[in-house]
């Protein structure tokens, strides 16, 4: 699902990009902020693109975390290529394995997603995992088509039932169509509460923008 934060809501089909209310001022995502002494690269681990940040200040330690559903690994800049690839692979798998376990309620959410896929998508979208994510703070949901995983923000627990279903469907369709082109939106047209759900998320975005206006 598209990122939100305090971004301007897009017109037309892109209205799904609604800012999540967080109660803080607008800011650039951490991944986009320039950082001194840090070089960014990527490595594919089990079909998922992992972001690597090489730091000249980091001497020995290797660490990682999830940022908006994506694995990010921080390594010393002086690490050899072979050691870096091995450590990034190990740490990325450990992070993703821990995240898959998820909080209580994931099984119910996954069953709900499966029912929606069967009802509106003819069972063509089959996620490997659907879970709540407390780390997802700038998006209502996200999907990794390469692994079939869907993550839904804990904040979405407070959405109306039909709006939550729309969020799930949006991510399910991404398993079939990765972009937001005409084919993507044609798949979503079958959902009867589509316009109401979009309008609701637009309302959340509008209310948040008004709250931020001095």
C-alpha atoms as a PDB file:
ATOM      1  CA  UNK A   1       0.000   0.000   0.000  1.00  0.00           C
ATOM      2  CA  UNK A   2       1.337   3.481  -0.782  1.00  0.00           C
ATOM      3  CA  UNK A   3       3.157   5.396   1.898  1.00  0.00           C
ATOM      4  CA  UNK A   4       1.365   8.175   3.679  1.00  0.00           C
ATOM      5  CA  UNK A   5       2.894  10.110   6.581  1.00  0.00           C
ATOM      6  CA  UNK A   6       1.870  13.730   5.918  1.00  0.00           C
ATOM      7  CA  UNK A   7       1.850  13.484   2.145  1.00  0.00           C
ATOM      8  CA  UNK A   8      -0.566  15.368  -0.058  1.00  0.00           C
ATOM      9  CA  UNK A   9      -3.495  13.134  -0.950  1.00  0.00           C
ATOM     10  CA  UNK A  10      -3.400  12.213  -4.601  1.00  0.00           C
ATOM     11  CA  UNK A  11      -6.392  12.843  -6.830  1.00  0.00           C
ATOM     12  CA  UNK A  12      -8.420  10.280  -8.723  1.00  0.00           C
ATOM     13  CA  UNK A  13      -7.578   6.603  -8.387  1.00  0.00           C
ATOM     14  CA  UNK A  14      -4.680   7.326  -6.075  1.00  0.00           C
ATOM     15  CA  UNK A  15      -6.926   8.448  -3.242  1.00  0.00           C
ATOM     16  CA  UNK A  16      -5.843   5.420  -1.289  1.00  0.00           C
ATOM     17  CA  UNK A  17      -2.775   7.419  -0.255  1.00  0.00           C
ATOM     18  CA  UNK A  18      -4.299   8.796   2.919  1.00  0.00           C
ATOM     19  CA  UNK A  19      -2.073  10.060   5.729  1.00  0.00           C
ATOM     20  CA  UNK A  20      -2.362   8.094   8.952  1.00  0.00           C
ATOM     21  CA  UNK A  21      -3.050  10.287  11.996  1.00  0.00           C
ATOM     22  CA  UNK A  22       0.056  10.181  14.144  1.00  0.00           C
ATOM     23  CA  UNK A  23      -0.189  13.500  15.958  1.00  0.00           C
ATOM     24  CA  UNK A  24       3.212  14.725  14.850  1.00  0.00           C
ATOM     25  CA  UNK A  25       4.437  17.312  12.384  1.00  0.00           C
ATOM     26  CA  UNK A  26       5.306  16.417   8.786  1.00  0.00           C
ATOM     27  CA  UNK A  27       8.717  14.881   8.273  1.00  0.00           C
ATOM     28  CA  UNK A  28      10.692  13.121   5.619  1.00  0.00           C
ATOM     29  CA  UNK A  29      10.811   9.323   6.015  1.00  0.00           C
ATOM     30  CA  UNK A  30      13.997   8.304   7.780  1.00  0.00           C
ATOM     31  CA  UNK A  31      15.096   6.269   4.767  1.00  0.00           C
ATOM     32  CA  UNK A  32      15.070   9.423   2.635  1.00  0.00           C
ATOM     33  CA  UNK A  33      17.001  11.686   4.964  1.00  0.00           C
ATOM     34  CA  UNK A  34      20.623  12.182   3.919  1.00  0.00           C
ATOM     35  CA  UNK A  35      23.017  10.783   6.527  1.00  0.00           C
ATOM     36  CA  UNK A  36      26.706  11.590   6.727  1.00  0.00           C
ATOM     37  CA  UNK A  37      29.096   8.702   6.254  1.00  0.00           C
ATOM     38  CA  UNK A  38      26.402   6.287   5.083  1.00  0.00           C
ATOM     39  CA  UNK A  39      26.185   4.540   1.708  1.00  0.00           C
ATOM     40  CA  UNK A  40      23.063   2.661   0.694  1.00  0.00           C
ATOM     41  CA  UNK A  41      22.883  -0.539  -1.334  1.00  0.00           C
ATOM     42  CA  UNK A  42      20.516  -3.502  -1.719  1.00  0.00           C
ATOM     43  CA  UNK A  43      20.708  -7.287  -1.617  1.00  0.00           C
ATOM     44  CA  UNK A  44      18.032  -9.814  -2.538  1.00  0.00           C
ATOM     45  CA  UNK A  45      17.348 -12.402   0.168  1.00  0.00           C
ATOM     46  CA  UNK A  46      14.748 -15.090  -0.517  1.00  0.00           C
ATOM     47  CA  UNK A  47      13.160 -12.959  -3.219  1.00  0.00           C
ATOM     48  CA  UNK A  48      12.924  -9.854  -1.029  1.00  0.00           C
ATOM     49  CA  UNK A  49      15.025  -6.740  -1.574  1.00  0.00           C
ATOM     50  CA  UNK A  50      16.903  -5.850   1.615  1.00  0.00           C
ATOM     51  CA  UNK A  51      18.271  -2.331   2.087  1.00  0.00           C
ATOM     52  CA  UNK A  52      21.902  -2.199   3.242  1.00  0.00           C
ATOM     53  CA  UNK A  53      23.316   0.898   4.932  1.00  0.00           C
ATOM     54  CA  UNK A  54      27.104   0.980   5.153  1.00  0.00           C
ATOM     55  CA  UNK A  55      28.416   3.340   7.819  1.00  0.00           C
ATOM     56  CA  UNK A  56      31.971   4.589   8.227  1.00  0.00           C
ATOM     57  CA  UNK A  57      31.207   5.239  11.901  1.00  0.00           C
ATOM     58  CA  UNK A  58      30.151   1.652  12.559  1.00  0.00           C
ATOM     59  CA  UNK A  59      33.187  -0.480  13.435  1.00  0.00           C
ATOM     60  CA  UNK A  60      32.087  -4.017  14.295  1.00  0.00           C
ATOM     61  CA  UNK A  61      28.393  -4.383  14.964  1.00  0.00           C
ATOM     62  CA  UNK A  62      25.799  -5.430  12.399  1.00  0.00           C
ATOM     63  CA  UNK A  63      22.157  -4.656  13.165  1.00  0.00           C
ATOM     64  CA  UNK A  64      18.832  -4.629  11.386  1.00  0.00           C
ATOM     65  CA  UNK A  65      15.192  -3.733  11.701  1.00  0.00           C
ATOM     66  CA  UNK A  66      11.947  -3.358   9.791  1.00  0.00           C
ATOM     67  CA  UNK A  67      11.145   0.081   8.377  1.00  0.00           C
ATOM     68  CA  UNK A  68       7.642   0.367   6.923  1.00  0.00           C
ATOM     69  CA  UNK A  69       7.583  -3.386   6.386  1.00  0.00           C
ATOM     70  CA  UNK A  70      10.987  -3.561   4.682  1.00  0.00           C
ATOM     71  CA  UNK A  71      14.126  -5.143   6.102  1.00  0.00           C
ATOM     72  CA  UNK A  72      17.012  -2.690   6.610  1.00  0.00           C
ATOM     73  CA  UNK A  73      20.455  -3.899   7.715  1.00  0.00           C
ATOM     74  CA  UNK A  74      23.222  -1.593   8.987  1.00  0.00           C
ATOM     75  CA  UNK A  75      26.817  -2.789   8.488  1.00  0.00           C
ATOM     76  CA  UNK A  76      30.356  -1.365   8.882  1.00  0.00           C
ATOM     77  CA  UNK A  77      31.616   0.184   5.663  1.00  0.00           C
ATOM     78  CA  UNK A  78      34.911  -1.717   5.979  1.00  0.00           C
ATOM     79  CA  UNK A  79      33.233  -5.152   5.981  1.00  0.00           C
ATOM     80  CA  UNK A  80      34.354  -7.432   3.137  1.00  0.00           C
ATOM     81  CA  UNK A  81      31.862  -8.215   0.382  1.00  0.00           C
ATOM     82  CA  UNK A  82      31.626 -11.915   1.253  1.00  0.00           C
ATOM     83  CA  UNK A  83      31.149 -11.268   4.978  1.00  0.00           C
ATOM     84  CA  UNK A  84      28.580  -8.583   4.260  1.00  0.00           C
ATOM     85  CA  UNK A  85      26.496 -10.846   2.012  1.00  0.00           C
ATOM     86  CA  UNK A  86      26.583 -13.670   4.562  1.00  0.00           C
ATOM     87  CA  UNK A  87      25.680 -11.489   7.552  1.00  0.00           C
ATOM     88  CA  UNK A  88      22.951  -9.584   5.702  1.00  0.00           C
ATOM     89  CA  UNK A  89      21.368 -12.860   4.612  1.00  0.00           C
ATOM     90  CA  UNK A  90      21.442 -14.315   8.125  1.00  0.00           C
ATOM     91  CA  UNK A  91      20.105 -11.194   9.817  1.00  0.00           C
ATOM     92  CA  UNK A  92      17.410 -10.531   7.202  1.00  0.00           C
ATOM     93  CA  UNK A  93      16.057 -14.062   7.597  1.00  0.00           C
ATOM     94  CA  UNK A  94      16.079 -13.763  11.376  1.00  0.00           C
ATOM     95  CA  UNK A  95      14.211 -10.430  11.276  1.00  0.00           C
ATOM     96  CA  UNK A  96      11.614 -11.702   8.827  1.00  0.00           C
ATOM     97  CA  UNK A  97      11.119 -14.937  10.777  1.00  0.00           C
ATOM     98  CA  UNK A  98      10.533 -12.992  13.991  1.00  0.00           C
ATOM     99  CA  UNK A  99       8.117 -10.641  12.249  1.00  0.00           C
ATOM    100  CA  UNK A 100       6.126 -13.533  10.759  1.00  0.00           C
ATOM    101  CA  UNK A 101       5.201 -14.780  14.210  1.00  0.00           C
ATOM    102  CA  UNK A 102       3.310 -11.542  14.726  1.00  0.00           C
ATOM    103  CA  UNK A 103       0.877 -10.634  17.528  1.00  0.00           C
ATOM    104  CA  UNK A 104      -2.277 -12.479  18.497  1.00  0.00           C
ATOM    105  CA  UNK A 105      -5.070 -12.078  15.972  1.00  0.00           C
ATOM    106  CA  UNK A 106      -3.026 -12.756  12.844  1.00  0.00           C
ATOM    107  CA  UNK A 107      -4.849 -16.031  12.169  1.00  0.00           C
ATOM    108  CA  UNK A 108      -8.204 -14.244  12.176  1.00  0.00           C
ATOM    109  CA  UNK A 109      -6.869 -11.509   9.906  1.00  0.00           C
ATOM    110  CA  UNK A 110      -5.453 -14.089   7.494  1.00  0.00           C
ATOM    111  CA  UNK A 111      -8.771 -15.957   7.419  1.00  0.00           C
ATOM    112  CA  UNK A 112     -10.531 -12.686   6.672  1.00  0.00           C
ATOM    113  CA  UNK A 113      -8.154 -11.949   3.801  1.00  0.00           C
ATOM    114  CA  UNK A 114      -8.648 -15.442   2.389  1.00  0.00           C
ATOM    115  CA  UNK A 115     -12.428 -15.025   2.491  1.00  0.00           C
ATOM    116  CA  UNK A 116     -12.163 -11.680   0.677  1.00  0.00           C
ATOM    117  CA  UNK A 117      -9.871 -13.194  -1.958  1.00  0.00           C
ATOM    118  CA  UNK A 118     -12.326 -16.032  -2.537  1.00  0.00           C
ATOM    119  CA  UNK A 119     -15.346 -13.741  -2.713  1.00  0.00           C
ATOM    120  CA  UNK A 120     -14.024 -10.897  -4.851  1.00  0.00           C
ATOM    121  CA  UNK A 121     -10.944 -12.243  -6.631  1.00  0.00           C
ATOM    122  CA  UNK A 122     -12.003 -15.794  -7.391  1.00  0.00           C
ATOM    123  CA  UNK A 123      -9.343 -17.166  -5.060  1.00  0.00           C
ATOM    124  CA  UNK A 124      -6.563 -16.032  -7.403  1.00  0.00           C
ATOM    125  CA  UNK A 125      -4.699 -14.083  -4.702  1.00  0.00           C
ATOM    126  CA  UNK A 126      -3.175 -16.421  -2.137  1.00  0.00           C
ATOM    127  CA  UNK A 127      -0.979 -14.657   0.452  1.00  0.00           C
ATOM    128  CA  UNK A 128       1.591 -16.720   2.316  1.00  0.00           C
ATOM    129  CA  UNK A 129       1.002 -14.662   5.473  1.00  0.00           C
ATOM    130  CA  UNK A 130      -1.278 -11.836   6.608  1.00  0.00           C
ATOM    131  CA  UNK A 131      -0.513 -10.176   9.915  1.00  0.00           C
ATOM    132  CA  UNK A 132      -0.880  -7.065  12.014  1.00  0.00           C
ATOM    133  CA  UNK A 133       2.238  -4.912  12.242  1.00  0.00           C
ATOM    134  CA  UNK A 134       3.000  -2.452  15.030  1.00  0.00           C
ATOM    135  CA  UNK A 135       6.011  -1.227  13.021  1.00  0.00           C
ATOM    136  CA  UNK A 136       3.845  -0.058  10.137  1.00  0.00           C
ATOM    137  CA  UNK A 137       3.278   3.601  11.028  1.00  0.00           C
ATOM    138  CA  UNK A 138       3.132   5.400   7.684  1.00  0.00           C
ATOM    139  CA  UNK A 139       0.952   2.975   5.737  1.00  0.00           C
ATOM    140  CA  UNK A 140      -2.361   1.276   6.336  1.00  0.00           C
ATOM    141  CA  UNK A 141      -0.915  -1.827   4.747  1.00  0.00           C
ATOM    142  CA  UNK A 142       1.895  -3.160   2.603  1.00  0.00           C
ATOM    143  CA  UNK A 143       2.558  -6.175   0.432  1.00  0.00           C
ATOM    144  CA  UNK A 144       5.663  -8.010  -0.741  1.00  0.00           C
ATOM    145  CA  UNK A 145       4.611  -9.790  -3.963  1.00  0.00           C
ATOM    146  CA  UNK A 146       7.884 -11.749  -4.117  1.00  0.00           C
ATOM    147  CA  UNK A 147       7.114 -13.505  -0.822  1.00  0.00           C
ATOM    148  CA  UNK A 148       3.318 -13.192  -0.803  1.00  0.00           C
ATOM    149  CA  UNK A 149       3.308 -11.480   2.592  1.00  0.00           C
ATOM    150  CA  UNK A 150       0.798  -8.813   3.596  1.00  0.00           C
ATOM    151  CA  UNK A 151       1.193  -6.543   6.630  1.00  0.00           C
ATOM    152  CA  UNK A 152      -1.617  -4.402   8.041  1.00  0.00           C
ATOM    153  CA  UNK A 153      -0.965  -1.538  10.449  1.00  0.00           C
ATOM    154  CA  UNK A 154      -2.242  -1.929  13.997  1.00  0.00           C
ATOM    155  CA  UNK A 155      -3.898   1.466  13.474  1.00  0.00           C
ATOM    156  CA  UNK A 156      -6.232  -0.183  10.949  1.00  0.00           C
ATOM    157  CA  UNK A 157      -7.902  -2.099  13.793  1.00  0.00           C
ATOM    158  CA  UNK A 158      -9.920   1.074  14.417  1.00  0.00           C
ATOM    159  CA  UNK A 159     -11.218   1.356  10.847  1.00  0.00           C
ATOM    160  CA  UNK A 160     -14.831   0.461   9.989  1.00  0.00           C
ATOM    161  CA  UNK A 161     -15.226  -3.149   8.873  1.00  0.00           C
ATOM    162  CA  UNK A 162     -15.784  -2.370   5.195  1.00  0.00           C
ATOM    163  CA  UNK A 163     -12.833   0.044   5.134  1.00  0.00           C
ATOM    164  CA  UNK A 164     -10.535  -2.574   6.677  1.00  0.00           C
ATOM    165  CA  UNK A 165     -11.773  -5.024   4.043  1.00  0.00           C
ATOM    166  CA  UNK A 166     -10.821  -2.494   1.371  1.00  0.00           C
ATOM    167  CA  UNK A 167      -7.327  -2.166   2.840  1.00  0.00           C
ATOM    168  CA  UNK A 168      -6.968  -5.956   2.756  1.00  0.00           C
ATOM    169  CA  UNK A 169      -8.326  -6.187  -0.782  1.00  0.00           C
ATOM    170  CA  UNK A 170      -5.985  -3.445  -1.929  1.00  0.00           C
ATOM    171  CA  UNK A 171      -3.010  -5.479  -0.750  1.00  0.00           C
ATOM    172  CA  UNK A 172      -4.447  -8.743  -2.092  1.00  0.00           C
ATOM    173  CA  UNK A 173      -4.772  -7.223  -5.555  1.00  0.00           C
ATOM    174  CA  UNK A 174      -1.100  -6.241  -5.364  1.00  0.00           C
ATOM    175  CA  UNK A 175      -0.312  -9.972  -5.351  1.00  0.00           C
ATOM    176  CA  UNK A 176      -1.864 -10.034  -8.833  1.00  0.00           C
ATOM    177  CA  UNK A 177      -0.944  -6.564 -10.122  1.00  0.00           C
ATOM    178  CA  UNK A 178       2.100  -4.848  -8.567  1.00  0.00           C
ATOM    179  CA  UNK A 179       1.386  -1.306  -9.808  1.00  0.00           C
ATOM    180  CA  UNK A 180      -1.621   1.042  -9.649  1.00  0.00           C
ATOM    181  CA  UNK A 181      -2.471   0.981 -13.344  1.00  0.00           C
ATOM    182  CA  UNK A 182      -5.918   0.439 -14.942  1.00  0.00           C
ATOM    183  CA  UNK A 183      -5.717  -3.333 -14.454  1.00  0.00           C
ATOM    184  CA  UNK A 184      -5.198  -2.880 -10.716  1.00  0.00           C
ATOM    185  CA  UNK A 185      -8.240  -0.649 -10.267  1.00  0.00           C
ATOM    186  CA  UNK A 186     -10.362  -2.848 -12.525  1.00  0.00           C
ATOM    187  CA  UNK A 187      -9.753  -5.718 -10.093  1.00  0.00           C
ATOM    188  CA  UNK A 188     -10.988  -3.572  -7.190  1.00  0.00           C
ATOM    189  CA  UNK A 189     -14.158  -2.414  -8.957  1.00  0.00           C
ATOM    190  CA  UNK A 190     -15.931  -5.597  -7.814  1.00  0.00           C
ATOM    191  CA  UNK A 191     -15.868  -4.418  -4.189  1.00  0.00           C
ATOM    192  CA  UNK A 192     -19.256  -2.765  -3.481  1.00  0.00           C
ATOM    193  CA  UNK A 193     -17.949  -0.456  -0.719  1.00  0.00           C
ATOM    194  CA  UNK A 194     -15.016   0.762  -2.815  1.00  0.00           C
ATOM    195  CA  UNK A 195     -16.052   4.416  -3.086  1.00  0.00           C
ATOM    196  CA  UNK A 196     -17.199   4.659   0.535  1.00  0.00           C
ATOM    197  CA  UNK A 197     -13.911   3.190   1.762  1.00  0.00           C
ATOM    198  CA  UNK A 198     -11.883   5.559  -0.393  1.00  0.00           C
ATOM    199  CA  UNK A 199     -13.950   8.478   0.834  1.00  0.00           C
ATOM    200  CA  UNK A 200     -13.414   7.455   4.440  1.00  0.00           C
ATOM    201  CA  UNK A 201      -9.630   7.301   4.034  1.00  0.00           C
ATOM    202  CA  UNK A 202      -9.737  10.637   2.227  1.00  0.00           C
ATOM    203  CA  UNK A 203     -11.634  12.037   5.212  1.00  0.00           C
ATOM    204  CA  UNK A 204      -8.943  10.794   7.581  1.00  0.00           C
ATOM    205  CA  UNK A 205      -6.331  12.490   5.419  1.00  0.00           C
ATOM    206  CA  UNK A 206      -8.295  15.746   5.228  1.00  0.00           C
ATOM    207  CA  UNK A 207      -8.917  15.857   8.983  1.00  0.00           C
ATOM    208  CA  UNK A 208      -5.243  15.291   9.680  1.00  0.00           C
ATOM    209  CA  UNK A 209      -4.169  18.002   7.248  1.00  0.00           C
ATOM    210  CA  UNK A 210      -6.582  20.478   8.894  1.00  0.00           C
ATOM    211  CA  UNK A 211      -5.211  19.585  12.320  1.00  0.00           C
ATOM    212  CA  UNK A 212      -1.715  20.407  11.106  1.00  0.00           C
ATOM    213  CA  UNK A 213      -2.711  23.773   9.643  1.00  0.00           C
ATOM    214  CA  UNK A 214      -1.704  26.646  12.010  1.00  0.00           C
END
